[in-house]
Protein backbone atom coordinates (compact mmCIF):
# COMPACT_ATOMS: atom_id res chain seq x y z
CA MET A 1 19.45 24.46 43.31
CA PRO A 2 19.08 20.44 42.34
CA THR A 3 20.88 20.15 39.19
CA ALA A 4 18.62 19.02 36.01
CA ARG A 5 19.13 15.57 34.72
CA GLU A 6 18.50 13.98 31.31
CA THR A 7 15.46 12.83 29.94
CA THR A 8 13.74 10.43 27.84
CA VAL A 9 10.15 9.76 26.94
CA GLU A 10 8.73 6.48 29.79
CA ARG A 11 7.41 4.22 26.72
CA GLU A 12 7.12 3.86 24.01
CA ALA A 13 4.23 4.89 21.41
CA SER A 14 3.54 5.41 18.44
CA LEU A 15 1.08 7.37 15.55
CA THR A 16 -0.08 7.14 12.42
CA GLY A 17 -0.06 9.39 9.05
CA THR A 18 0.41 11.07 6.13
CA SER A 19 4.26 12.40 4.89
CA LEU A 20 4.46 15.77 3.47
CA HIS A 21 6.38 15.82 0.43
CA SER A 22 6.17 12.12 -0.41
CA GLY A 23 2.54 11.40 0.47
CA ALA A 24 3.45 8.63 1.74
CA LYS A 25 1.65 7.01 4.60
CA VAL A 26 3.67 6.33 7.76
CA ARG A 27 3.69 4.54 11.24
CA LEU A 28 5.89 6.54 13.55
CA THR A 29 6.75 5.62 17.09
CA VAL A 30 9.39 7.03 19.69
CA LYS A 31 10.71 4.45 22.46
CA PRO A 32 12.94 5.14 25.41
CA ALA A 33 16.94 5.40 25.17
CA GLY A 34 19.46 5.86 27.39
CA SER A 35 21.78 8.97 28.44
CA GLY A 36 24.00 10.38 25.68
CA PHE A 37 22.09 9.38 23.39
CA GLY A 38 20.51 12.38 21.37
CA TYR A 39 17.80 12.00 19.26
CA GLN A 40 18.49 9.15 16.24
CA PHE A 41 15.73 8.22 13.68
CA ARG A 42 15.55 4.26 12.82
CA ARG A 43 14.16 3.22 9.48
CA MET A 44 12.11 0.14 9.73
CA ASP A 45 10.80 -0.34 6.22
CA LEU A 46 14.62 -1.19 4.35
CA ALA A 47 17.18 -3.98 5.34
CA ASP A 48 19.59 -3.70 8.45
CA GLN A 49 17.12 -1.55 9.67
CA PRO A 50 19.90 1.62 9.82
CA THR A 51 19.93 4.68 12.70
CA ILE A 52 20.90 8.42 11.63
CA PRO A 53 21.52 10.19 14.73
CA ALA A 54 20.16 14.28 14.84
CA PHE A 55 23.83 15.27 13.87
CA LEU A 56 24.32 18.72 12.19
CA GLU A 57 26.72 16.62 10.04
CA LYS A 58 23.94 14.62 8.47
CA VAL A 59 22.08 17.42 7.52
CA LYS A 60 22.04 17.17 3.40
CA GLN A 61 19.34 18.76 2.63
CA VAL A 62 17.17 22.31 3.84
CA GLU A 63 14.45 22.68 0.81
CA ARG A 64 11.68 23.91 2.88
CA ALA A 65 12.38 21.01 5.10
CA THR A 66 15.08 19.50 6.92
CA THR A 67 16.97 16.20 5.73
CA LEU A 68 18.93 14.40 7.44
CA ALA A 69 20.96 11.14 5.92
CA GLU A 70 23.40 8.67 6.25
CA GLY A 71 24.87 7.69 2.87
CA SER A 72 21.85 6.66 0.86
CA VAL A 73 19.22 6.90 3.40
CA LYS A 74 17.28 9.43 4.25
CA VAL A 75 14.58 10.83 6.71
CA SER A 76 13.39 14.15 5.73
CA THR A 77 10.95 16.56 7.25
CA VAL A 78 12.62 16.09 10.80
CA GLU A 79 11.82 19.98 12.36
CA HIS A 80 8.51 19.28 13.49
CA LEU A 81 9.16 16.27 15.48
CA LEU A 82 12.47 17.69 17.01
CA SER A 83 11.00 20.49 17.92
CA ALA A 84 8.54 18.91 20.09
CA LEU A 85 11.20 16.87 21.72
CA ARG A 86 13.96 20.26 22.23
CA GLY A 87 10.10 22.16 22.81
CA LEU A 88 9.60 19.60 25.70
CA GLU A 89 12.88 19.46 27.17
CA ILE A 90 12.92 15.12 26.01
CA ASP A 91 16.72 14.99 25.67
CA ASN A 92 17.10 10.70 24.32
CA ALA A 93 14.27 9.25 22.53
CA LEU A 94 14.56 6.97 19.64
CA ILE A 95 12.03 7.36 17.07
CA GLU A 96 11.62 4.50 14.96
CA LEU A 97 9.28 5.03 11.59
CA ASP A 98 8.42 3.10 8.08
CA ALA A 99 9.03 5.29 5.64
CA ASN A 100 11.43 8.70 4.76
CA GLU A 101 9.09 11.09 6.39
CA PRO A 102 7.24 12.12 9.45
CA PRO A 103 3.75 11.99 9.48
CA ILE A 104 2.50 15.94 8.85
CA GLY A 105 -0.54 15.78 10.83
CA ASP A 106 -1.96 19.65 11.01
CA GLY A 107 1.37 21.19 9.59
CA SER A 108 2.70 21.73 13.02
CA ALA A 109 4.14 19.52 16.07
CA SER A 110 0.65 19.55 17.59
CA PRO A 111 0.14 15.52 16.80
CA PHE A 112 3.84 15.45 18.66
CA LEU A 113 2.88 16.70 21.10
CA GLU A 114 0.22 14.52 21.44
CA LEU A 115 2.15 11.61 21.11
CA LEU A 116 5.34 12.28 23.39
CA SER A 117 2.24 13.93 26.50
CA GLN A 118 1.49 9.17 25.91
CA ALA A 119 5.05 8.52 26.32
CA GLY A 120 5.39 10.67 29.31
CA ARG A 121 8.79 12.06 30.67
CA LYS A 122 11.06 10.38 32.58
CA GLU A 123 14.99 11.59 34.52
CA LEU A 124 17.77 9.78 33.63
CA GLU A 125 21.05 9.77 36.09
CA ALA A 126 23.08 11.92 34.21
CA PRO A 127 23.28 15.58 34.54
CA ARG A 128 21.92 17.85 32.12
CA SER A 129 24.18 18.98 30.15
CA VAL A 130 23.50 22.87 28.44
CA PHE A 131 25.22 25.60 26.02
CA GLN A 132 25.12 28.86 27.77
CA ILE A 133 26.09 31.86 25.48
CA LYS A 134 29.32 33.88 26.62
CA GLU A 135 29.43 35.99 23.74
CA PRO A 136 27.89 37.43 20.66
CA VAL A 137 27.33 34.85 17.71
CA TRP A 138 25.62 35.15 14.61
CA VAL A 139 25.37 35.26 10.56
CA THR A 140 23.70 36.86 7.97
CA ALA A 141 22.19 35.55 4.52
CA PRO A 142 22.30 37.44 1.24
CA ASP A 143 18.44 38.12 1.40
CA GLY A 144 19.29 40.45 4.39
CA GLY A 145 18.12 38.04 7.02
CA TYR A 146 20.02 37.20 10.12
CA MET A 147 20.73 35.44 13.35
CA ALA A 148 22.31 35.90 16.49
CA ALA A 149 22.94 34.66 19.62
CA LEU A 150 23.50 36.94 22.74
CA PRO A 151 23.95 36.00 26.56
CA HIS A 152 20.95 35.04 28.57
CA GLU A 153 19.59 33.34 31.56
CA GLY A 154 16.62 30.98 29.74
CA PHE A 155 16.05 30.51 26.24
CA LYS A 156 14.18 33.19 24.19
CA VAL A 157 13.72 33.76 20.80
CA SER A 158 12.69 37.20 18.63
CA CYS A 159 11.71 36.28 15.45
CA THR A 160 10.23 38.97 12.88
CA ASN A 161 9.24 36.48 9.65
CA SER A 162 9.28 38.42 6.42
CA ASN A 163 6.61 37.56 3.42
CA HIS A 164 6.48 38.35 0.11
CA THR A 165 4.15 41.58 1.55
CA PRO A 166 4.11 43.88 4.40
CA HIS A 167 0.87 42.43 5.51
CA HIS A 168 1.78 39.54 6.55
CA THR A 169 5.57 40.05 8.36
CA GLN A 170 4.98 39.76 11.84
CA PHE A 171 6.83 40.24 15.42
CA LEU A 172 6.83 38.35 18.21
CA SER A 173 9.68 38.33 21.27
CA ILE A 174 9.06 34.85 23.44
CA GLU A 175 11.07 32.97 26.63
CA VAL A 176 10.15 29.20 25.56
CA GLY A 177 10.42 26.05 27.63
CA ALA A 178 8.75 23.21 28.29
CA ASP A 179 5.90 25.02 30.03
CA ASN A 180 4.74 27.28 27.63
CA TYR A 181 6.07 25.13 24.06
CA ALA A 182 3.33 22.89 23.21
CA LYS A 183 0.35 26.69 24.13
CA GLU A 184 2.68 29.36 22.86
CA ILE A 185 4.26 27.69 19.77
CA GLY A 186 3.69 24.05 18.90
CA ARG A 187 -0.27 24.54 17.27
CA ALA A 188 1.59 26.55 15.17
CA ARG A 189 0.79 25.61 11.30
CA THR A 190 3.60 26.04 8.63
CA PHE A 191 2.19 27.87 5.84
CA VAL A 192 3.16 28.43 1.62
CA PHE A 193 2.77 31.29 -1.08
CA TYR A 194 0.11 30.11 -3.41
CA GLU A 195 2.75 31.16 -6.47
CA GLU A 196 5.53 28.83 -4.56
CA VAL A 197 3.15 25.84 -5.01
CA GLU A 198 3.00 24.67 -8.34
CA PRO A 199 6.97 24.92 -8.68
CA LEU A 200 7.10 23.41 -5.41
CA LEU A 201 4.98 20.04 -7.05
CA GLU A 202 6.97 20.16 -10.48
CA LYS A 203 9.95 19.37 -7.83
CA GLY A 204 8.25 16.46 -6.85
CA LEU A 205 7.49 17.79 -2.74
CA ILE A 206 4.15 19.17 -1.08
CA LYS A 207 2.69 15.48 -2.26
CA GLY A 208 0.76 14.99 0.63
CA GLY A 209 0.68 18.86 0.91
CA SER A 210 -3.61 20.16 1.50
CA LEU A 211 -5.81 22.93 3.50
CA GLU A 212 -5.70 19.83 6.47
CA ASN A 213 -1.47 20.47 6.81
CA ALA A 214 -0.27 23.75 5.56
CA ILE A 215 -1.72 27.32 5.10
CA VAL A 216 -1.97 29.78 1.78
CA ILE A 217 -1.25 33.09 1.99
CA ARG A 218 -2.72 34.88 -1.06
CA GLY A 219 -2.16 38.36 -1.58
CA GLU A 220 -3.41 39.89 1.08
CA SER A 221 -5.77 36.38 1.95
CA VAL A 222 -5.36 33.24 3.83
CA MET A 223 -6.84 29.86 2.69
CA SER A 224 -6.88 27.41 5.68
CA LYS A 225 -9.15 24.84 6.78
CA GLU A 226 -9.86 26.86 10.09
CA PRO A 227 -9.34 29.53 11.59
CA MET A 228 -5.83 31.51 12.24
CA ARG A 229 -5.01 29.36 15.91
CA TYR A 230 -2.75 32.59 17.08
CA PRO A 231 -2.57 36.19 15.16
CA ASP A 232 0.77 35.82 14.89
CA GLU A 233 0.80 31.91 13.56
CA PHE A 234 2.74 32.61 10.43
CA VAL A 235 6.19 33.63 13.07
CA ARG A 236 5.28 31.54 15.96
CA HIS A 237 6.01 28.58 13.14
CA LYS A 238 8.87 30.09 12.20
CA ILE A 239 10.50 30.40 15.49
CA LEU A 240 8.99 26.07 16.12
CA ASP A 241 10.80 25.91 13.10
CA ILE A 242 14.38 27.65 14.46
CA ILE A 243 13.79 25.44 17.81
CA GLY A 244 13.32 22.11 15.69
CA ASP A 245 16.74 22.99 13.71
CA LEU A 246 18.95 24.11 16.89
CA ALA A 247 17.99 20.78 17.84
CA LEU A 248 20.39 19.62 15.93
CA PHE A 249 23.32 21.04 17.79
CA PRO A 250 24.03 18.74 20.48
CA LEU A 251 23.29 20.21 23.66
CA PRO A 252 20.22 22.77 24.97
CA ILE A 253 20.62 26.22 24.16
CA ARG A 254 20.52 29.04 26.86
CA GLY A 255 20.83 32.46 25.26
CA HIS A 256 18.78 34.98 23.38
CA ILE A 257 17.77 34.06 20.10
CA LEU A 258 17.40 37.09 17.54
CA ALA A 259 16.55 35.80 13.48
CA ALA A 260 15.53 37.88 10.88
CA LYS A 261 14.06 36.64 7.34
CA PRO A 262 14.60 32.67 8.91
CA SER A 263 14.91 29.86 6.91
CA HIS A 264 16.12 25.96 7.26
CA GLY A 265 19.13 27.08 5.67
CA LEU A 266 20.01 29.33 7.66
CA ASN A 267 18.72 27.76 10.84
CA LEU A 268 21.40 25.76 10.18
CA GLN A 269 23.64 27.43 9.23
CA PHE A 270 22.95 29.22 12.65
CA ALA A 271 23.86 26.42 14.07
CA LYS A 272 27.00 25.03 12.84
CA ALA A 273 28.28 28.72 13.93
CA LEU A 274 27.13 27.37 17.32
CA LEU A 275 29.31 24.56 16.82
CA LYS A 276 31.93 25.67 16.54
CA ALA A 277 31.58 28.84 19.13
CA TYR A 278 30.94 25.99 21.98
CA ARG A 279 33.48 23.47 20.46
CA ALA A 280 36.28 27.33 20.87
CA TYR A 281 35.17 27.67 23.71
CA GLN A 282 35.17 23.84 25.13
CA SER A 283 39.34 24.50 24.10
CA SER A 284 39.91 27.77 25.91
CA LEU A 285 38.63 26.17 29.38
CA MET A 286 39.89 22.77 29.51
CA PRO A 287 43.25 23.07 29.74
CA VAL A 288 42.97 24.36 33.54
CA GLU A 289 39.25 23.94 34.33
CA ASN A 290 35.38 22.65 34.46
CA VAL A 291 37.00 19.24 32.46
CA PRO A 292 33.60 17.23 33.16
CA VAL A 293 33.99 14.21 34.98
CA GLY A 294 32.53 10.83 36.20
CA GLU A 295 31.00 8.33 34.64
CA ARG A 296 31.13 10.23 31.29
CA ALA A 297 34.66 11.04 31.16
CA LEU A 298 38.33 9.12 31.22
CA ASP A 299 41.13 10.42 33.00
CA ILE A 300 44.47 10.04 32.54
CA ASN A 301 44.74 6.43 34.79
CA ASP A 302 41.29 5.18 33.22
CA VAL A 303 42.92 5.51 30.17
CA MET A 304 45.53 3.21 30.60
CA LYS A 305 43.76 0.81 31.71
CA ILE A 306 41.74 0.64 28.32
CA LEU A 307 45.05 1.04 25.78
CA PRO A 308 48.60 -0.68 26.67
CA HIS A 309 49.91 2.52 25.26
CA ARG A 310 52.61 4.24 26.99
CA TYR A 311 55.26 7.25 26.77
CA PRO A 312 55.87 8.29 24.04
CA PHE A 313 52.96 6.50 22.34
CA LEU A 314 50.29 7.32 24.62
CA MET A 315 48.56 10.38 22.82
CA VAL A 316 45.41 10.86 24.84
CA ASP A 317 45.83 12.64 28.00
CA ARG A 318 41.70 12.42 28.78
CA VAL A 319 38.21 11.18 27.31
CA LEU A 320 36.01 14.39 28.36
CA ARG A 321 32.93 12.55 27.03
CA PHE A 322 31.08 9.74 25.03
CA GLU A 323 28.00 10.08 23.57
CA GLY A 324 26.00 6.96 23.57
CA ASP A 325 28.41 3.77 21.93
CA THR A 326 29.80 5.72 18.57
CA LYS A 327 31.24 8.61 20.07
CA ALA A 328 33.71 10.20 22.21
CA VAL A 329 35.86 13.28 22.56
CA GLY A 330 39.21 13.01 24.14
CA LEU A 331 41.63 15.67 25.36
CA LYS A 332 45.79 16.10 24.01
CA THR A 333 47.84 18.73 25.82
CA VAL A 334 49.83 19.38 23.04
CA THR A 335 53.67 20.55 25.58
CA ILE A 336 57.09 21.88 24.28
CA ASN A 337 58.52 19.02 25.83
CA GLU A 338 56.86 16.22 24.00
CA PRO A 339 59.69 14.01 22.96
CA PHE A 340 58.39 14.43 19.14
CA PHE A 341 59.59 18.07 19.10
CA GLN A 342 63.45 16.95 19.47
CA GLY A 343 63.71 16.10 15.74
CA HIS A 344 60.36 17.79 13.79
CA PHE A 345 61.40 20.40 13.20
CA PRO A 346 63.17 21.52 16.49
CA GLY A 347 63.60 24.93 15.48
CA HIS A 348 59.56 25.38 14.42
CA PRO A 349 57.81 22.46 16.48
CA ILE A 350 55.22 21.64 14.38
CA MET A 351 53.24 17.89 15.96
CA PRO A 352 53.80 15.53 13.50
CA GLY A 353 50.03 14.79 11.62
CA VAL A 354 50.95 10.99 11.91
CA LEU A 355 50.80 11.34 15.11
CA GLN A 356 47.13 13.28 15.12
CA ILE A 357 46.18 10.06 13.90
CA GLU A 358 47.40 8.29 15.81
CA ALA A 359 45.62 10.22 18.61
CA MET A 360 42.40 9.65 17.12
CA ALA A 361 42.75 5.92 16.19
CA GLN A 362 43.74 5.58 20.41
CA VAL A 363 40.07 7.57 21.07
CA ALA A 364 38.30 4.93 18.73
CA SER A 365 39.92 2.49 20.36
CA ILE A 366 38.68 3.33 23.71
CA LEU A 367 35.17 3.73 21.78
CA LEU A 368 35.37 -0.58 20.57
CA LEU A 369 37.19 -1.62 24.07
CA ARG A 370 34.40 -0.10 25.94
CA ASN A 371 31.79 -2.63 24.36
CA THR A 372 31.93 -6.11 27.41
CA GLU A 373 32.72 -8.17 24.16
CA ASN A 374 35.28 -6.71 23.63
CA ALA A 375 36.89 -5.93 27.00
CA GLY A 376 40.43 -7.14 27.31
CA LYS A 377 41.22 -7.25 23.32
CA LEU A 378 43.63 -4.93 21.35
CA GLY A 379 42.51 -2.70 19.04
CA TYR A 380 45.09 -3.32 15.94
CA PHE A 381 45.49 -0.05 13.89
CA MET A 382 44.87 -1.69 9.76
CA SER A 383 44.04 1.06 7.26
CA VAL A 384 43.80 5.27 7.03
CA ASP A 385 41.74 7.01 4.28
CA LYS A 386 40.95 10.17 3.32
CA ALA A 387 43.12 12.18 5.32
CA LYS A 388 44.07 15.50 5.29
CA PHE A 389 46.09 18.01 7.59
CA ARG A 390 44.66 21.85 7.34
CA LYS A 391 46.48 23.58 9.98
CA PRO A 392 49.95 23.29 11.82
CA VAL A 393 49.58 22.07 15.47
CA MET A 394 51.92 23.96 17.57
CA PRO A 395 53.31 23.62 21.72
CA GLY A 396 50.80 25.45 23.59
CA ASP A 397 48.01 23.66 22.22
CA ALA A 398 44.64 22.04 22.56
CA LEU A 399 44.00 19.43 20.83
CA MET A 400 40.22 17.93 20.54
CA ILE A 401 40.03 14.64 19.52
CA GLN A 402 36.75 13.87 17.81
CA VAL A 403 35.95 10.03 16.78
CA GLU A 404 32.16 8.55 15.39
CA LEU A 405 32.58 4.80 14.97
CA THR A 406 30.53 4.30 11.71
CA LYS A 407 31.04 0.61 11.57
CA SER A 408 31.71 -1.86 14.54
CA ARG A 409 30.59 -5.98 12.85
CA GLY A 410 32.66 -8.96 13.97
CA LYS A 411 36.60 -7.81 14.67
CA ILE A 412 36.26 -5.22 12.51
CA GLY A 413 36.09 -1.41 13.11
CA LYS A 414 35.65 1.95 11.57
CA ALA A 415 35.49 5.10 12.35
CA SER A 416 35.40 8.70 11.46
CA GLY A 417 37.77 10.92 12.91
CA GLN A 418 38.64 15.20 13.02
CA CYS A 419 41.44 16.45 15.08
CA LEU A 420 40.46 20.27 16.61
CA VAL A 421 42.23 23.63 18.00
CA ASN A 422 40.57 26.51 19.20
CA GLY A 423 37.40 25.26 17.25
CA GLU A 424 38.73 24.61 14.41
CA VAL A 425 39.12 20.91 12.54
CA VAL A 426 43.76 20.69 12.17
CA SER A 427 43.45 17.12 10.68
CA GLU A 428 40.70 14.73 9.83
CA ALA A 429 41.03 11.08 8.28
CA GLU A 430 38.90 7.96 8.12
CA LEU A 431 40.45 4.51 10.11
CA MET A 432 39.58 1.42 10.58
CA PHE A 433 41.00 -1.59 12.58
CA ALA A 434 41.09 -4.82 14.33
CA VAL A 435 39.58 -5.84 17.73
CA MET A 436 42.50 -9.20 18.64
CA ASP A 437 42.91 -11.33 21.64
CA ARG A 438 46.45 -9.81 23.42
């Protein structure tokens, strides 16, 4: 069976409309992107046209919609577009918009399905990675809601939406893929309860809302501009939202998702639990098997071609993968033979925190020095800020080093870094360094 490859859109395509919560007019354009790029939003209406990656770490608000933020820059109500992208198995796309929300359309993913149909889909060279659920993962909510993931070969969702009245409580269990997403899930519209409308308006939300882009439930009655598209449209839209929110997880998921009373808040709590399980699974395998190879990985020889460090100060054994030009994950296997253990608590060996920060700086340097303009140069460590050490690192630990470039202009670079062991953050810091000629 041939290996699936990453995908992107074939050509750029645009649509215009009104945003749900702000009521603003907006033009949205989707453009092709390379492998490892993921989904990124660019605010064309702001100075410098800042970009926000669709990462879990960027989620800042989940009331009635999912909002991403980078500093003071925000993009809200991203879940329907992300659902369409993930549902159609499009892995990488640049999304440009001239407001802080995509257009709401009819309250479903239909406008984005039409947009992506115009844009087409093409394969890239990189193989497509997925997260195969191996062990159950679950979260619960105070209101009795829960979400869980079980091992399954495909992607299946079983969902119950528990609403204010039993009359509108629905259940659906469905295998979802690019072949049936548009027909079975993508056309399901959002809904709101009549008694929620006024409080939402008082909060400054749903300014662009109407019966043209939402179903309103009042008691046992349903108010809609058109007939129900499915007998169980409410639960299908909940599944649409689940797929959109889980698109913030870095990889497509293979497993059986079970959900009861889901919400954006619960969806994102579940996505974070999946990310923790994924990192723990990676850590358990990487020292002995399944280490990625190829263009998106660097072995120790490749690392030494970029970094000038040598024993005993080379703190990176390999780079496991790159995510675009701004993120990288490295690995340092900590052994009892490390020279620093001879003098650092030899009776109770613990890896010095300063060397964990050095490991972050070295992975960040690799990111910067991979750029063509910085080839052959050196990265000089300038400062560290907001350093925190949460757990000791012991011999036998596989230290995962995650770094994201937050600024790279001229000769100055800034990065945020984390070191993890078994999916748990053990240290983190913000770093600044200069790129200089050798």
